[in-house]
Amino acid sequence: MAGNSLTIDVSREAKKLFPEFSVCGVKVLDYNKAVSKLDYHDLQTLVDRLKNTEQRPELRKSWRFAFGAMGLKPSKFPSSVEALAKRAAKGEECWRTAIPAVDFYNAISVRHFAPIGGYDIDKFDMKNISIRPIWRDCDKFSPIGGHADIAKGNRNLLVYACGNEILCWALNHRDSKLFCLDDETVNARS
């Protein structure tokens, strides 16, 4: 099966830019089977407990600082968790998508005000994800919904990449539609 020994490497440049940077990964086999057992009432309760970004100003400030360090204007390029929390604050279920697997990690993301993403590891050709500065001359990106101009930002713009394919642009601003979770996902990495 693809992805059995998938690793996540943080580049020297990323560690230099953000010395306290850390990333964690969880591999889930039979992901949609596990997600099918979710109780959406419990997820909504979880989101409702902490859906206002104003309740976590120190975390919002740290993500805005990180995006500024990458040469992006945080008001135009919000972190995924800030954008998600704002949607959740608009009202019940505004944070939900059509994909239960994504709703699961979105609920956890809003609850802890931490960016969480998920990737279908069976779509990977390689066994390594790198968190590194963007390589504008050879990286490719196919964003989910909307446009992410990979020319934006400065030389410190960090991406999650698998070879020259960008999984996530600007640490956690926008994910790739090539590796995203969908209704066919069996094995995932969050």
C-alpha atoms as a PDB file:
ATOM      1  CA  MET A   1       0.000   0.000   0.000  1.00  0.00           C
ATOM      2  CA  ALA A   2       1.289   3.492  -0.800  1.00  0.00           C
ATOM      3  CA  GLY A   3       2.307   5.630   2.132  1.00  0.00           C
ATOM      4  CA  ASN A   4       3.244   2.928   4.667  1.00  0.00           C
ATOM      5  CA  SER A   5       6.468   4.735   5.567  1.00  0.00           C
ATOM      6  CA  LEU A   6       5.519   8.322   4.738  1.00  0.00           C
ATOM      7  CA  THR A   7       7.731  10.827   6.571  1.00  0.00           C
ATOM      8  CA  ILE A   8       7.488  14.571   7.172  1.00  0.00           C
ATOM      9  CA  ASP A   9      10.744  16.545   7.033  1.00  0.00           C
ATOM     10  CA  VAL A  10      11.065  20.152   8.194  1.00  0.00           C
ATOM     11  CA  SER A  11      13.777  21.974   6.239  1.00  0.00           C
ATOM     12  CA  ARG A  12      16.610  23.955   7.822  1.00  0.00           C
ATOM     13  CA  GLU A  13      15.133  27.127   6.297  1.00  0.00           C
ATOM     14  CA  ALA A  14      11.764  26.495   7.961  1.00  0.00           C
ATOM     15  CA  LYS A  15      13.447  25.812  11.319  1.00  0.00           C
ATOM     16  CA  LYS A  16      15.563  28.944  10.960  1.00  0.00           C
ATOM     17  CA  LEU A  17      12.550  31.110  10.122  1.00  0.00           C
ATOM     18  CA  PHE A  18      10.406  29.618  12.901  1.00  0.00           C
ATOM     19  CA  PRO A  19      12.701  27.999  15.515  1.00  0.00           C
ATOM     20  CA  GLU A  20       9.778  26.628  17.541  1.00  0.00           C
ATOM     21  CA  PHE A  21       8.050  25.169  14.477  1.00  0.00           C
ATOM     22  CA  SER A  22       6.765  21.653  14.914  1.00  0.00           C
ATOM     23  CA  VAL A  23       4.498  19.396  12.953  1.00  0.00           C
ATOM     24  CA  CYS A  24       2.732  16.211  13.941  1.00  0.00           C
ATOM     25  CA  GLY A  25       1.162  13.575  11.777  1.00  0.00           C
ATOM     26  CA  VAL A  26      -1.370  10.850  12.324  1.00  0.00           C
ATOM     27  CA  LYS A  27      -1.936   8.063   9.817  1.00  0.00           C
ATOM     28  CA  VAL A  28      -5.443   6.633   9.761  1.00  0.00           C
ATOM     29  CA  LEU A  29      -6.260   3.428   7.897  1.00  0.00           C
ATOM     30  CA  ASP A  30      -9.875   2.917   6.803  1.00  0.00           C
ATOM     31  CA  TYR A  31     -10.416   6.643   7.378  1.00  0.00           C
ATOM     32  CA  ASN A  32     -13.918   6.962   5.937  1.00  0.00           C
ATOM     33  CA  LYS A  33     -15.058   3.895   7.860  1.00  0.00           C
ATOM     34  CA  ALA A  34     -13.903   5.551  11.087  1.00  0.00           C
ATOM     35  CA  VAL A  35     -15.429   8.900  10.110  1.00  0.00           C
ATOM     36  CA  SER A  36     -18.780   7.265   9.295  1.00  0.00           C
ATOM     37  CA  LYS A  37     -19.172   6.583  13.014  1.00  0.00           C
ATOM     38  CA  LEU A  38     -18.941  10.284  13.953  1.00  0.00           C
ATOM     39  CA  ASP A  39     -21.715  11.936  15.908  1.00  0.00           C
ATOM     40  CA  TYR A  40     -22.265  15.318  14.232  1.00  0.00           C
ATOM     41  CA  HIS A  41     -24.126  16.650  17.250  1.00  0.00           C
ATOM     42  CA  ASP A  42     -20.971  16.060  19.310  1.00  0.00           C
ATOM     43  CA  LEU A  43     -18.836  17.724  16.613  1.00  0.00           C
ATOM     44  CA  GLN A  44     -21.142  20.757  16.538  1.00  0.00           C
ATOM     45  CA  THR A  45     -20.945  21.008  20.337  1.00  0.00           C
ATOM     46  CA  LEU A  46     -17.154  20.858  20.076  1.00  0.00           C
ATOM     47  CA  VAL A  47     -17.124  23.680  17.511  1.00  0.00           C
ATOM     48  CA  ASP A  48     -19.580  25.797  19.494  1.00  0.00           C
ATOM     49  CA  ARG A  49     -17.355  25.693  22.588  1.00  0.00           C
ATOM     50  CA  LEU A  50     -14.571  27.614  20.917  1.00  0.00           C
ATOM     51  CA  LYS A  51     -15.567  29.053  17.586  1.00  0.00           C
ATOM     52  CA  ASN A  52     -14.730  32.710  18.094  1.00  0.00           C
ATOM     53  CA  THR A  53     -11.217  33.688  17.036  1.00  0.00           C
ATOM     54  CA  GLU A  54     -11.276  36.525  19.576  1.00  0.00           C
ATOM     55  CA  GLN A  55     -11.153  33.920  22.344  1.00  0.00           C
ATOM     56  CA  ARG A  56      -7.664  32.896  21.214  1.00  0.00           C
ATOM     57  CA  PRO A  57      -5.968  36.208  20.304  1.00  0.00           C
ATOM     58  CA  GLU A  58      -2.461  34.922  21.064  1.00  0.00           C
ATOM     59  CA  LEU A  59      -2.802  32.111  18.558  1.00  0.00           C
ATOM     60  CA  ARG A  60      -4.388  34.356  15.937  1.00  0.00           C
ATOM     61  CA  LYS A  61      -1.534  36.829  16.443  1.00  0.00           C
ATOM     62  CA  SER A  62       1.119  34.108  16.045  1.00  0.00           C
ATOM     63  CA  TRP A  63      -0.370  32.916  12.734  1.00  0.00           C
ATOM     64  CA  ARG A  64      -0.627  36.477  11.457  1.00  0.00           C
ATOM     65  CA  PHE A  65       3.028  36.996  12.391  1.00  0.00           C
ATOM     66  CA  ALA A  66       4.001  33.801  10.532  1.00  0.00           C
ATOM     67  CA  PHE A  67       2.136  34.846   7.399  1.00  0.00           C
ATOM     68  CA  GLY A  68       3.734  38.296   7.570  1.00  0.00           C
ATOM     69  CA  ALA A  69       7.190  36.675   7.841  1.00  0.00           C
ATOM     70  CA  MET A  70       6.425  34.788   4.633  1.00  0.00           C
ATOM     71  CA  GLY A  71       5.646  38.074   2.851  1.00  0.00           C
ATOM     72  CA  LEU A  72       1.873  37.684   2.867  1.00  0.00           C
ATOM     73  CA  LYS A  73      -0.689  40.176   4.127  1.00  0.00           C
ATOM     74  CA  PRO A  74      -2.593  38.212   6.811  1.00  0.00           C
ATOM     75  CA  SER A  75      -5.878  40.023   6.124  1.00  0.00           C
ATOM     76  CA  LYS A  76      -5.767  38.830   2.500  1.00  0.00           C
ATOM     77  CA  PHE A  77      -4.214  35.411   3.185  1.00  0.00           C
ATOM     78  CA  PRO A  78      -5.627  34.172   6.509  1.00  0.00           C
ATOM     79  CA  SER A  79      -4.431  30.953   8.042  1.00  0.00           C
ATOM     80  CA  SER A  80      -6.823  28.075   7.443  1.00  0.00           C
ATOM     81  CA  VAL A  81      -7.779  27.917  11.104  1.00  0.00           C
ATOM     82  CA  GLU A  82      -8.612  31.629  11.312  1.00  0.00           C
ATOM     83  CA  ALA A  83     -10.775  31.433   8.169  1.00  0.00           C
ATOM     84  CA  LEU A  84     -12.468  28.281   9.469  1.00  0.00           C
ATOM     85  CA  ALA A  85     -13.136  29.775  12.907  1.00  0.00           C
ATOM     86  CA  LYS A  86     -14.693  32.855  11.285  1.00  0.00           C
ATOM     87  CA  ARG A  87     -16.997  30.622   9.227  1.00  0.00           C
ATOM     88  CA  ALA A  88     -17.936  28.650  12.348  1.00  0.00           C
ATOM     89  CA  ALA A  89     -18.713  31.891  14.213  1.00  0.00           C
ATOM     90  CA  LYS A  90     -21.299  32.786  11.547  1.00  0.00           C
ATOM     91  CA  GLY A  91     -23.596  30.088  12.773  1.00  0.00           C
ATOM     92  CA  GLU A  92     -24.385  26.455  13.129  1.00  0.00           C
ATOM     93  CA  GLU A  93     -22.871  24.207  10.475  1.00  0.00           C
ATOM     94  CA  CYS A  94     -21.219  27.027   8.442  1.00  0.00           C
ATOM     95  CA  TRP A  95     -17.944  25.199   9.039  1.00  0.00           C
ATOM     96  CA  ARG A  96     -19.187  21.944   7.498  1.00  0.00           C
ATOM     97  CA  THR A  97     -18.338  20.609   4.064  1.00  0.00           C
ATOM     98  CA  ALA A  98     -19.799  17.783   1.996  1.00  0.00           C
ATOM     99  CA  ILE A  99     -17.002  15.444   3.108  1.00  0.00           C
ATOM    100  CA  PRO A 100     -17.323  13.907   6.615  1.00  0.00           C
ATOM    101  CA  ALA A 101     -13.572  13.232   6.840  1.00  0.00           C
ATOM    102  CA  VAL A 102     -12.864  16.949   6.345  1.00  0.00           C
ATOM    103  CA  ASP A 103     -15.602  17.941   8.826  1.00  0.00           C
ATOM    104  CA  PHE A 104     -13.906  15.778  11.444  1.00  0.00           C
ATOM    105  CA  TYR A 105     -10.531  17.486  11.242  1.00  0.00           C
ATOM    106  CA  ASN A 106     -12.176  20.920  10.826  1.00  0.00           C
ATOM    107  CA  ALA A 107     -14.040  20.450  14.123  1.00  0.00           C
ATOM    108  CA  ILE A 108     -10.795  19.564  15.899  1.00  0.00           C
ATOM    109  CA  SER A 109      -9.069  22.509  14.210  1.00  0.00           C
ATOM    110  CA  VAL A 110     -11.694  25.008  15.399  1.00  0.00           C
ATOM    111  CA  ARG A 111     -11.750  23.521  18.903  1.00  0.00           C
ATOM    112  CA  HIS A 112      -7.995  23.838  19.394  1.00  0.00           C
ATOM    113  CA  PHE A 113      -7.393  26.772  17.028  1.00  0.00           C
ATOM    114  CA  ALA A 114      -4.712  24.705  15.335  1.00  0.00           C
ATOM    115  CA  PRO A 115      -4.405  24.182  11.593  1.00  0.00           C
ATOM    116  CA  ILE A 116      -5.154  20.595  10.728  1.00  0.00           C
ATOM    117  CA  GLY A 117      -5.225  19.150   7.256  1.00  0.00           C
ATOM    118  CA  GLY A 118      -5.659  15.740   5.802  1.00  0.00           C
ATOM    119  CA  TYR A 119      -4.218  14.045   2.751  1.00  0.00           C
ATOM    120  CA  ASP A 120      -5.104  10.860   0.931  1.00  0.00           C
ATOM    121  CA  ILE A 121      -1.828   8.945   1.239  1.00  0.00           C
ATOM    122  CA  ASP A 122      -2.787   6.505  -1.496  1.00  0.00           C
ATOM    123  CA  LYS A 123      -2.472   9.427  -3.954  1.00  0.00           C
ATOM    124  CA  PHE A 124       1.235   9.930  -3.143  1.00  0.00           C
ATOM    125  CA  ASP A 125       3.924   8.643  -5.489  1.00  0.00           C
ATOM    126  CA  MET A 126       6.661   9.463  -2.996  1.00  0.00           C
ATOM    127  CA  LYS A 127       7.150   8.605   0.659  1.00  0.00           C
ATOM    128  CA  ASN A 128       8.281  12.015   1.878  1.00  0.00           C
ATOM    129  CA  ILE A 129       6.553  15.309   2.622  1.00  0.00           C
ATOM    130  CA  SER A 130       8.870  18.282   2.960  1.00  0.00           C
ATOM    131  CA  ILE A 131       8.074  21.539   4.683  1.00  0.00           C
ATOM    132  CA  ARG A 132      10.327  23.936   2.849  1.00  0.00           C
ATOM    133  CA  PRO A 133      10.492  27.259   1.007  1.00  0.00           C
ATOM    134  CA  ILE A 134       8.628  27.302  -2.285  1.00  0.00           C
ATOM    135  CA  TRP A 135      10.641  26.549  -5.425  1.00  0.00           C
ATOM    136  CA  ARG A 136       8.948  28.971  -7.796  1.00  0.00           C
ATOM    137  CA  ASP A 137      10.843  27.745 -10.855  1.00  0.00           C
ATOM    138  CA  CYS A 138       9.616  24.140 -10.624  1.00  0.00           C
ATOM    139  CA  ASP A 139       6.840  23.704  -7.998  1.00  0.00           C
ATOM    140  CA  LYS A 140       3.284  23.034  -9.191  1.00  0.00           C
ATOM    141  CA  PHE A 141       0.085  23.689  -7.285  1.00  0.00           C
ATOM    142  CA  SER A 142      -3.556  22.773  -7.955  1.00  0.00           C
ATOM    143  CA  PRO A 143      -5.524  24.449  -5.131  1.00  0.00           C
ATOM    144  CA  ILE A 144      -8.884  23.365  -3.800  1.00  0.00           C
ATOM    145  CA  GLY A 145     -11.466  26.030  -4.493  1.00  0.00           C
ATOM    146  CA  GLY A 146     -10.149  29.357  -5.561  1.00  0.00           C
ATOM    147  CA  HIS A 147      -6.769  30.491  -6.698  1.00  0.00           C
ATOM    148  CA  ALA A 148      -3.474  30.644  -4.840  1.00  0.00           C
ATOM    149  CA  ASP A 149      -0.860  32.607  -6.747  1.00  0.00           C
ATOM    150  CA  ILE A 150       2.409  30.846  -5.975  1.00  0.00           C
ATOM    151  CA  ALA A 151       4.251  34.012  -7.025  1.00  0.00           C
ATOM    152  CA  LYS A 152       2.921  35.774  -3.907  1.00  0.00           C
ATOM    153  CA  GLY A 153       5.006  36.015  -0.767  1.00  0.00           C
ATOM    154  CA  ASN A 154       8.733  36.319  -0.303  1.00  0.00           C
ATOM    155  CA  ARG A 155      11.592  33.799  -0.390  1.00  0.00           C
ATOM    156  CA  ASN A 156      10.471  32.568   3.058  1.00  0.00           C
ATOM    157  CA  LEU A 157       7.099  31.329   1.803  1.00  0.00           C
ATOM    158  CA  LEU A 158       6.827  27.794   3.180  1.00  0.00           C
ATOM    159  CA  VAL A 159       4.928  24.932   1.590  1.00  0.00           C
ATOM    160  CA  TYR A 160       4.206  21.296   2.306  1.00  0.00           C
ATOM    161  CA  ALA A 161       5.482  19.493  -0.781  1.00  0.00           C
ATOM    162  CA  CYS A 162       5.781  16.015  -2.174  1.00  0.00           C
ATOM    163  CA  GLY A 163       8.557  16.355  -4.730  1.00  0.00           C
ATOM    164  CA  ASN A 164       7.535  19.358  -6.834  1.00  0.00           C
ATOM    165  CA  GLU A 165       3.824  19.071  -6.069  1.00  0.00           C
ATOM    166  CA  ILE A 166       2.613  21.460  -3.389  1.00  0.00           C
ATOM    167  CA  LEU A 167       0.243  19.825  -0.891  1.00  0.00           C
ATOM    168  CA  CYS A 168      -0.377  22.970   1.124  1.00  0.00           C
ATOM    169  CA  TRP A 169       0.601  26.534   0.207  1.00  0.00           C
ATOM    170  CA  ALA A 170       1.793  29.049   2.841  1.00  0.00           C
ATOM    171  CA  LEU A 171       1.919  26.445   5.618  1.00  0.00           C
ATOM    172  CA  ASN A 172      -1.831  26.254   6.024  1.00  0.00           C
ATOM    173  CA  HIS A 173      -3.566  28.710   3.715  1.00  0.00           C
ATOM    174  CA  ARG A 174      -4.789  26.429   0.921  1.00  0.00           C
ATOM    175  CA  ASP A 175      -4.551  22.688   0.178  1.00  0.00           C
ATOM    176  CA  SER A 176      -4.085  20.823  -3.096  1.00  0.00           C
ATOM    177  CA  LYS A 177      -7.024  19.153  -4.804  1.00  0.00           C
ATOM    178  CA  LEU A 178      -4.652  16.415  -6.031  1.00  0.00           C
ATOM    179  CA  PHE A 179      -4.047  14.981  -2.550  1.00  0.00           C
ATOM    180  CA  CYS A 180      -7.164  16.010  -0.622  1.00  0.00           C
ATOM    181  CA  LEU A 181      -9.497  13.677   1.211  1.00  0.00           C
ATOM    182  CA  ASP A 182     -12.602  12.708  -0.691  1.00  0.00           C
ATOM    183  CA  ASP A 183     -15.410  10.156  -0.527  1.00  0.00           C
ATOM    184  CA  GLU A 184     -13.064   7.527  -1.987  1.00  0.00           C
ATOM    185  CA  THR A 185     -10.307   8.011   0.617  1.00  0.00           C
ATOM    186  CA  VAL A 186      -9.299   4.825   2.392  1.00  0.00           C
ATOM    187  CA  ASN A 187      -5.985   5.767   4.043  1.00  0.00           C
ATOM    188  CA  ALA A 188      -5.254   9.276   5.268  1.00  0.00           C
ATOM    189  CA  ARG A 189      -2.599  11.337   6.964  1.00  0.00           C
ATOM    190  CA  SER A 190      -3.569  14.322   9.092  1.00  0.00           C
END
